[in-house]
């Protein structure tokens, strides 16, 4: 059996999002000994000290963690919120598909109680449940977001964060439960992507949902639970990872709008696997376009990469995007896709931190010279290296989702 480079690469591109999601689970929860079915709270806005995953926002507090619904469902209870504050309970299966977007865009200030279950669960839904969410994988990534502008408002957001409650169904009902499943998680340092992907495919109904893709890549060894491979398959796995990684990195500069990269199974199940992998690479755990549109800005008006060295300064003036929630620009280094340190710890500017000009436009100034601009509320520090901005538009109008918002030009001064 000969496995071509193309087959090896394409198989890796299919598995990439699954494997990256699994490695994040292992690194943030399994390895440090944190429990599933518990929230991990990020009590401050993410900044340059946060490196757990790239391109995280600088607008919200986070409640992150993992549900394991293999033994029984879990239930999340969310309090009512104050008017005008963005919040969302966002969950994704281990295939990197969104399966829940519950928040202010659809519910306004009203919280509720939400049950998460595996596809095979057939129990009774108790009274008082506002929605039931089914997942193809038994392990589900949860990322809750609560907007804050910092300062005194930070304590308000933290108090809301403290009121989010996560319980197994049996604990909620006060009855004996089946107990948590014991799983033998493969260590990424000691396994390859085939083994890890096959582990994920075994827990839940993902293999059934992905039957079309698995049929294509069966010869390379993708099969639920399989852990032993031929020499040819191991060689193909190594080639596929190298070629697939090169393709993803080559594709990244071409991606300016996340509409084809992030979404639900219904949105993207049959779409190109390289674009889907790109969504994981550029913004793991990002929201689908109906909830948030992400636009990447990499160059200034001179066509060169945004870079604050040698005193280079940029300015943009633009109308507000048409959104129901809020919008913001955040700066990241191109080398690591993380926020870079600056003396005033400012990493984003948006409609909650800027004041509209008299003509109805907003102004943002980019520079690495903090001393010269620190008192300007429209100032956004950039590093003295290549950088990019992500414009996040939460609750985007259909026109924004369709790419009809004209991205501001950052003019070199």
Protein backbone atom coordinates (compact mmCIF):
# COMPACT_ATOMS: atom_id res chain seq x y z
CA UNK A 1 0.00 0.00 0.00
CA UNK A 2 1.38 3.40 -1.01
CA UNK A 3 0.04 6.53 0.62
CA UNK A 4 0.69 9.60 -1.52
CA UNK A 5 1.88 12.93 -0.17
CA UNK A 6 -1.48 14.45 -1.07
CA UNK A 7 -3.40 11.76 0.82
CA UNK A 8 -1.12 12.18 3.83
CA UNK A 9 -1.45 15.96 3.78
CA UNK A 10 -5.22 15.95 3.33
CA UNK A 11 -5.69 13.44 6.14
CA UNK A 12 -3.66 15.64 8.46
CA UNK A 13 -5.68 18.70 7.44
CA UNK A 14 -8.86 16.81 8.33
CA UNK A 15 -7.44 15.78 11.71
CA UNK A 16 -5.72 19.07 12.52
CA UNK A 17 -8.65 20.78 14.26
CA UNK A 18 -9.51 17.66 16.24
CA UNK A 19 -5.91 17.20 17.35
CA UNK A 20 -5.40 20.86 18.27
CA UNK A 21 -8.60 20.83 20.32
CA UNK A 22 -7.47 17.66 22.08
CA UNK A 23 -3.99 19.04 22.81
CA UNK A 24 -5.57 22.15 24.31
CA UNK A 25 -7.72 19.92 26.53
CA UNK A 26 -4.66 17.99 27.65
CA UNK A 27 -2.44 21.02 28.24
CA UNK A 28 -4.99 23.15 30.10
CA UNK A 29 -6.89 20.49 32.04
CA UNK A 30 -5.48 16.94 32.04
CA UNK A 31 -1.78 17.73 32.51
CA UNK A 32 -2.22 20.31 35.32
CA UNK A 33 -4.75 18.01 37.04
CA UNK A 34 -7.80 20.24 36.66
CA UNK A 35 -11.22 18.63 36.73
CA UNK A 36 -13.71 18.48 33.88
CA UNK A 37 -17.23 19.77 34.59
CA UNK A 38 -15.81 22.75 36.47
CA UNK A 39 -15.32 26.31 35.26
CA UNK A 40 -11.80 27.72 35.06
CA UNK A 41 -12.21 31.45 35.67
CA UNK A 42 -10.08 34.13 33.98
CA UNK A 43 -10.65 36.98 36.44
CA UNK A 44 -8.89 39.67 34.41
CA UNK A 45 -8.90 40.75 30.80
CA UNK A 46 -6.39 38.73 28.82
CA UNK A 47 -3.23 40.67 27.98
CA UNK A 48 0.38 39.95 27.03
CA UNK A 49 0.80 37.68 30.06
CA UNK A 50 -1.84 35.27 28.71
CA UNK A 51 -0.29 32.73 26.32
CA UNK A 52 -2.54 29.67 26.58
CA UNK A 53 -3.97 30.16 23.11
CA UNK A 54 -3.51 32.74 20.35
CA UNK A 55 -5.68 35.67 19.37
CA UNK A 56 -7.81 35.71 22.54
CA UNK A 57 -9.92 38.85 22.92
CA UNK A 58 -9.16 41.75 25.25
CA UNK A 59 -12.83 42.67 25.78
CA UNK A 60 -14.32 40.04 28.09
CA UNK A 61 -13.70 37.96 31.16
CA UNK A 62 -13.74 34.26 30.39
CA UNK A 63 -15.11 31.12 31.98
CA UNK A 64 -13.45 28.22 30.26
CA UNK A 65 -13.24 24.51 30.78
CA UNK A 66 -14.57 21.20 29.54
CA UNK A 67 -17.79 19.26 29.90
CA UNK A 68 -17.66 15.47 29.88
CA UNK A 69 -21.16 14.24 29.07
CA UNK A 70 -20.16 10.61 28.50
CA UNK A 71 -21.72 9.47 31.79
CA UNK A 72 -24.58 11.98 32.10
CA UNK A 73 -25.56 15.49 30.98
CA UNK A 74 -24.34 18.67 32.62
CA UNK A 75 -26.43 21.76 33.31
CA UNK A 76 -25.27 25.37 33.25
CA UNK A 77 -27.24 28.05 35.09
CA UNK A 78 -26.61 31.67 34.10
CA UNK A 79 -27.94 34.73 35.96
CA UNK A 80 -29.77 37.62 34.37
CA UNK A 81 -27.40 40.37 33.24
CA UNK A 82 -27.47 44.17 33.21
CA UNK A 83 -28.65 46.03 30.12
CA UNK A 84 -26.06 46.61 27.43
CA UNK A 85 -23.52 44.06 28.67
CA UNK A 86 -22.45 41.43 26.15
CA UNK A 87 -22.31 37.85 27.40
CA UNK A 88 -22.27 34.44 25.79
CA UNK A 89 -22.02 30.76 26.65
CA UNK A 90 -20.18 29.32 23.66
CA UNK A 91 -19.46 25.61 23.33
CA UNK A 92 -17.66 23.56 20.70
CA UNK A 93 -17.23 19.84 20.21
CA UNK A 94 -13.81 18.26 19.76
CA UNK A 95 -14.25 18.46 16.04
CA UNK A 96 -13.94 22.25 16.52
CA UNK A 97 -17.55 22.91 15.52
CA UNK A 98 -19.72 25.32 17.51
CA UNK A 99 -22.76 23.61 19.02
CA UNK A 100 -24.12 26.40 21.27
CA UNK A 101 -24.19 30.21 21.20
CA UNK A 102 -26.38 31.29 24.11
CA UNK A 103 -26.10 34.94 25.06
CA UNK A 104 -27.17 38.56 24.92
CA UNK A 105 -27.53 38.60 21.13
CA UNK A 106 -30.42 36.11 21.36
CA UNK A 107 -31.59 36.42 24.98
CA UNK A 108 -30.86 40.03 25.91
CA UNK A 109 -30.47 40.37 29.69
CA UNK A 110 -32.14 37.03 30.44
CA UNK A 111 -30.00 34.12 31.60
CA UNK A 112 -31.42 30.65 32.09
CA UNK A 113 -30.66 26.97 32.57
CA UNK A 114 -29.15 24.92 29.74
CA UNK A 115 -28.58 21.16 29.50
CA UNK A 116 -25.71 19.63 27.50
CA UNK A 117 -25.87 15.98 26.51
CA UNK A 118 -24.24 13.46 24.20
CA UNK A 119 -26.05 12.39 21.08
CA UNK A 120 -27.03 9.01 22.55
CA UNK A 121 -28.51 10.28 25.83
CA UNK A 122 -32.23 9.40 26.08
CA UNK A 123 -33.12 10.49 29.61
CA UNK A 124 -35.91 12.80 30.71
CA UNK A 125 -35.34 16.54 30.50
CA UNK A 126 -36.31 18.04 33.87
CA UNK A 127 -38.56 21.05 34.31
CA UNK A 128 -36.91 24.44 34.20
CA UNK A 129 -34.49 23.72 31.36
CA UNK A 130 -34.50 26.49 28.75
CA UNK A 131 -32.62 24.59 26.03
CA UNK A 132 -31.01 21.21 25.37
CA UNK A 133 -27.73 21.11 23.42
CA UNK A 134 -26.52 17.87 21.82
CA UNK A 135 -22.84 17.23 21.11
CA UNK A 136 -21.18 14.81 18.68
CA UNK A 137 -18.24 14.48 21.08
CA UNK A 138 -18.62 13.53 24.73
CA UNK A 139 -15.94 16.08 25.59
CA UNK A 140 -17.14 19.65 24.96
CA UNK A 141 -15.12 22.85 25.14
CA UNK A 142 -16.89 25.69 26.95
CA UNK A 143 -15.90 29.34 26.66
CA UNK A 144 -18.09 31.82 28.51
CA UNK A 145 -17.53 35.53 27.88
CA UNK A 146 -18.71 38.50 29.94
CA UNK A 147 -17.86 41.97 28.63
CA UNK A 148 -16.08 44.49 30.82
CA UNK A 149 -14.36 47.80 30.16
CA UNK A 150 -12.16 47.35 33.24
CA UNK A 151 -11.83 49.81 36.11
CA UNK A 152 -14.80 49.79 38.48
CA UNK A 153 -16.77 47.75 35.97
CA UNK A 154 -14.40 44.81 36.43
CA UNK A 155 -15.90 43.95 39.82
CA UNK A 156 -19.42 44.00 38.34
CA UNK A 157 -18.35 41.55 35.64
CA UNK A 158 -16.59 39.34 38.19
CA UNK A 159 -19.71 39.19 40.33
CA UNK A 160 -21.70 37.98 37.30
CA UNK A 161 -18.96 35.47 36.56
CA UNK A 162 -19.27 34.09 40.12
CA UNK A 163 -22.99 33.41 39.57
CA UNK A 164 -22.49 31.06 36.61
CA UNK A 165 -23.16 27.55 37.93
CA UNK A 166 -22.16 24.20 36.43
CA UNK A 167 -23.53 20.89 37.75
CA UNK A 168 -24.05 17.36 36.54
CA UNK A 169 -27.71 16.51 36.03
CA UNK A 170 -27.75 14.16 39.02
CA UNK A 171 -26.21 16.83 41.27
CA UNK A 172 -28.79 19.35 40.09
CA UNK A 173 -31.61 16.92 40.89
CA UNK A 174 -30.03 15.82 44.18
CA UNK A 175 -30.01 12.13 43.28
CA UNK A 176 -27.20 9.55 43.06
CA UNK A 177 -25.30 9.80 39.78
CA UNK A 178 -23.34 7.36 37.64
CA UNK A 179 -19.99 8.92 38.54
CA UNK A 180 -17.47 10.46 36.19
CA UNK A 181 -16.02 8.27 33.45
CA UNK A 182 -12.34 7.42 33.87
CA UNK A 183 -10.50 8.13 30.64
CA UNK A 184 -6.95 7.23 29.64
CA UNK A 185 -5.91 10.42 27.91
CA UNK A 186 -3.01 10.00 25.47
CA UNK A 187 -0.05 12.27 26.24
CA UNK A 188 0.76 14.48 23.23
CA UNK A 189 4.46 14.18 24.04
CA UNK A 190 4.32 10.40 23.65
CA UNK A 191 1.80 9.95 20.84
CA UNK A 192 1.20 11.04 17.26
CA UNK A 193 -1.76 12.83 15.74
CA UNK A 194 -3.27 9.59 14.45
CA UNK A 195 -3.46 8.11 17.94
CA UNK A 196 -4.90 11.27 19.45
CA UNK A 197 -7.48 11.77 16.72
CA UNK A 198 -8.60 8.14 16.99
CA UNK A 199 -8.99 8.55 20.75
CA UNK A 200 -11.28 11.54 20.22
CA UNK A 201 -13.30 9.77 17.52
CA UNK A 202 -14.09 6.93 19.92
CA UNK A 203 -15.83 9.11 22.55
CA UNK A 204 -19.29 10.02 21.26
CA UNK A 205 -20.79 10.04 17.77
CA UNK A 206 -18.12 12.03 15.92
CA UNK A 207 -17.04 9.05 13.82
CA UNK A 208 -20.57 8.66 12.51
CA UNK A 209 -20.85 12.39 11.78
CA UNK A 210 -17.47 12.34 10.00
CA UNK A 211 -18.03 9.07 8.13
CA UNK A 212 -17.42 10.69 4.73
CA UNK A 213 -14.01 12.00 5.76
CA UNK A 214 -12.97 8.84 7.57
CA UNK A 215 -13.79 6.73 4.52
CA UNK A 216 -11.42 8.89 2.48
CA UNK A 217 -8.56 8.56 4.94
CA UNK A 218 -9.03 5.04 6.27
CA UNK A 219 -5.85 3.79 4.59
CA UNK A 220 -3.68 6.12 6.65
CA UNK A 221 -5.07 4.63 9.86
CA UNK A 222 -7.84 7.02 10.91
CA UNK A 223 -10.30 4.78 12.75
CA UNK A 224 -12.01 5.23 16.14
CA UNK A 225 -9.90 3.75 18.94
CA UNK A 226 -7.10 2.45 16.71
CA UNK A 227 -3.62 2.89 18.22
CA UNK A 228 -1.37 0.55 16.18
CA UNK A 229 -0.13 1.45 12.71
CA UNK A 230 2.01 0.03 9.97
CA UNK A 231 5.40 1.48 9.09
CA UNK A 232 3.87 2.94 5.93
CA UNK A 233 1.09 4.64 7.92
CA UNK A 234 3.57 6.09 10.43
CA UNK A 235 5.70 7.41 7.59
CA UNK A 236 2.60 8.95 5.96
CA UNK A 237 1.58 10.52 9.26
CA UNK A 238 4.98 12.20 9.53
CA UNK A 239 4.84 13.44 5.94
CA UNK A 240 1.27 14.59 6.34
CA UNK A 241 2.03 16.63 9.44
CA UNK A 242 4.96 18.37 7.76
CA UNK A 243 3.13 19.10 4.51
CA UNK A 244 -0.13 20.02 6.21
CA UNK A 245 1.57 22.41 8.62
CA UNK A 246 3.37 24.12 5.74
CA UNK A 247 0.09 24.50 3.85
CA UNK A 248 -1.72 26.00 6.85
CA UNK A 249 1.07 28.51 7.44
CA UNK A 250 1.21 29.44 3.76
CA UNK A 251 -2.54 29.95 3.68
CA UNK A 252 -2.70 32.14 6.80
CA UNK A 253 -1.73 35.50 5.20
CA UNK A 254 -4.57 35.11 2.68
CA UNK A 255 -7.25 34.83 5.35
CA UNK A 256 -8.89 38.19 6.13
CA UNK A 257 -12.45 37.16 7.02
CA UNK A 258 -13.41 34.18 9.19
CA UNK A 259 -16.74 33.45 7.47
CA UNK A 260 -15.51 30.22 5.87
CA UNK A 261 -13.33 29.20 8.81
CA UNK A 262 -15.54 29.05 11.91
CA UNK A 263 -19.06 27.76 12.44
CA UNK A 264 -21.39 24.87 13.15
CA UNK A 265 -21.40 21.41 11.58
CA UNK A 266 -24.31 22.47 9.42
CA UNK A 267 -22.25 25.43 8.21
CA UNK A 268 -18.94 23.73 7.53
CA UNK A 269 -19.23 19.93 7.70
CA UNK A 270 -18.65 19.46 3.97
CA UNK A 271 -16.40 22.47 3.40
CA UNK A 272 -12.69 22.48 2.51
CA UNK A 273 -10.64 21.01 5.33
CA UNK A 274 -7.73 23.39 4.84
CA UNK A 275 -9.97 26.43 5.43
CA UNK A 276 -11.52 24.76 8.46
CA UNK A 277 -8.02 24.00 9.80
CA UNK A 278 -7.12 27.63 9.20
CA UNK A 279 -9.93 28.71 11.51
CA UNK A 280 -8.35 26.62 14.26
CA UNK A 281 -4.86 27.90 13.52
CA UNK A 282 -5.78 31.60 13.46
CA UNK A 283 -8.45 31.72 16.15
CA UNK A 284 -9.03 28.54 18.09
CA UNK A 285 -12.42 28.68 19.87
CA UNK A 286 -13.56 31.64 17.75
CA UNK A 287 -17.25 32.39 17.26
CA UNK A 288 -19.20 31.83 14.01
CA UNK A 289 -20.10 34.84 11.81
CA UNK A 290 -23.71 35.09 13.02
CA UNK A 291 -22.31 35.90 16.47
CA UNK A 292 -19.06 37.65 15.65
CA UNK A 293 -17.26 38.58 12.46
CA UNK A 294 -13.46 38.73 12.65
CA UNK A 295 -11.50 40.79 10.15
CA UNK A 296 -7.71 40.75 10.03
CA UNK A 297 -5.74 43.92 9.18
CA UNK A 298 -2.06 43.23 8.44
CA UNK A 299 -0.83 46.18 6.39
CA UNK A 300 -0.86 49.95 6.48
CA UNK A 301 -1.62 52.28 3.58
CA UNK A 302 1.94 51.77 2.27
CA UNK A 303 1.29 48.07 1.71
CA UNK A 304 3.87 47.09 4.33
CA UNK A 305 3.25 45.05 7.45
CA UNK A 306 2.04 47.09 10.41
CA UNK A 307 5.16 47.68 12.49
CA UNK A 308 5.96 50.31 15.12
CA UNK A 309 9.73 50.37 14.64
CA UNK A 310 11.58 53.50 13.59
CA UNK A 311 8.76 55.70 14.89
CA UNK A 312 6.21 54.58 12.32
CA UNK A 313 2.71 55.87 13.15
CA UNK A 314 -0.68 55.09 11.60
CA UNK A 315 -4.14 56.63 11.82
CA UNK A 316 -7.56 55.31 10.82
CA UNK A 317 -10.87 57.20 10.73
CA UNK A 318 -13.98 55.14 10.13
CA UNK A 319 -17.72 54.85 10.80
CA UNK A 320 -19.01 52.38 13.34
CA UNK A 321 -19.67 48.87 12.02
CA UNK A 322 -23.35 47.88 12.07
CA UNK A 323 -23.58 45.59 15.11
CA UNK A 324 -26.14 44.87 17.80
CA UNK A 325 -23.58 44.19 20.55
CA UNK A 326 -20.15 45.87 20.27
CA UNK A 327 -16.94 46.05 18.22
CA UNK A 328 -13.23 46.40 18.94
CA UNK A 329 -9.74 46.30 17.40
CA UNK A 330 -7.04 44.24 19.17
CA UNK A 331 -3.30 44.11 18.32
CA UNK A 332 -1.23 40.91 18.12
CA UNK A 333 2.35 40.11 17.15
CA UNK A 334 2.62 38.33 13.80
CA UNK A 335 5.31 35.97 15.11
CA UNK A 336 3.35 34.36 17.95
CA UNK A 337 -0.25 35.65 17.43
CA UNK A 338 -0.24 36.96 21.03
CA UNK A 339 -0.60 40.43 22.53
CA UNK A 340 2.71 42.21 23.00
CA UNK A 341 3.70 44.05 26.18
CA UNK A 342 3.29 47.84 26.35
CA UNK A 343 3.76 50.13 29.37
CA UNK A 344 0.10 51.14 29.66
CA UNK A 345 -1.23 47.57 29.20
CA UNK A 346 -3.59 48.71 26.44
CA UNK A 347 -4.30 46.15 23.75
CA UNK A 348 -7.67 47.10 22.25
CA UNK A 349 -9.87 50.03 21.35
CA UNK A 350 -13.53 49.92 20.42
CA UNK A 351 -16.95 51.47 20.80
CA UNK A 352 -16.85 51.02 24.59
CA UNK A 353 -13.48 52.78 24.97
CA UNK A 354 -13.54 55.37 22.16
CA UNK A 355 -15.61 58.55 21.78
CA UNK A 356 -17.18 59.28 18.42
CA UNK A 357 -15.82 62.35 16.63
CA UNK A 358 -18.16 65.26 15.86
CA UNK A 359 -18.63 64.01 12.28
CA UNK A 360 -19.76 60.57 13.45
CA UNK A 361 -16.44 58.85 12.82
CA UNK A 362 -14.05 57.08 15.20
CA UNK A 363 -10.27 57.61 15.20
CA UNK A 364 -7.52 55.16 16.18
CA UNK A 365 -3.81 55.99 16.22
CA UNK A 366 -1.22 53.19 16.13
CA UNK A 367 2.34 53.74 17.36
CA UNK A 368 5.03 52.14 19.51
CA UNK A 369 5.82 55.55 21.08
CA UNK A 370 3.71 55.29 24.23
CA UNK A 371 5.13 58.44 25.84
CA UNK A 372 4.01 60.56 22.92
CA UNK A 373 0.45 59.22 22.75
CA UNK A 374 -0.51 57.76 26.14
CA UNK A 375 -3.01 60.53 26.96
CA UNK A 376 -4.89 60.05 23.68
CA UNK A 377 -7.92 57.77 24.31
CA UNK A 378 -7.79 56.76 20.65
CA UNK A 379 -4.19 55.55 20.94
CA UNK A 380 -3.53 51.83 20.49
CA UNK A 381 0.08 50.72 21.10
CA UNK A 382 1.74 48.43 18.56
CA UNK A 383 5.04 46.56 18.99
CA UNK A 384 8.32 47.31 17.22
CA UNK A 385 7.86 44.22 15.08
CA UNK A 386 5.37 43.02 12.48
CA UNK A 387 1.88 42.99 13.93
CA UNK A 388 -1.74 42.67 12.89
CA UNK A 389 -5.11 43.81 14.17
CA UNK A 390 -8.28 41.78 14.56
CA UNK A 391 -11.51 43.74 14.24
CA UNK A 392 -14.20 41.88 16.17
CA UNK A 393 -17.81 42.78 15.40
CA UNK A 394 -20.24 41.14 17.84
CA UNK A 395 -23.85 40.82 16.74
CA UNK A 396 -23.01 41.77 13.15
CA UNK A 397 -25.71 42.80 10.69
CA UNK A 398 -26.26 40.62 7.64
CA UNK A 399 -24.33 43.13 5.55
CA UNK A 400 -21.33 42.80 7.87
CA UNK A 401 -21.63 39.01 7.75
CA UNK A 402 -21.66 39.22 3.96
CA UNK A 403 -18.37 41.17 4.00
CA UNK A 404 -19.90 44.50 2.96
CA UNK A 405 -18.36 46.55 5.77
CA UNK A 406 -15.42 48.52 4.36
CA UNK A 407 -12.42 47.74 6.53
CA UNK A 408 -10.69 50.98 7.67
CA UNK A 409 -7.38 51.93 6.10
CA UNK A 410 -4.57 52.58 8.56
CA UNK A 411 -2.78 55.46 6.89
CA UNK A 412 0.91 55.98 7.52
CA UNK A 413 1.48 59.47 8.94
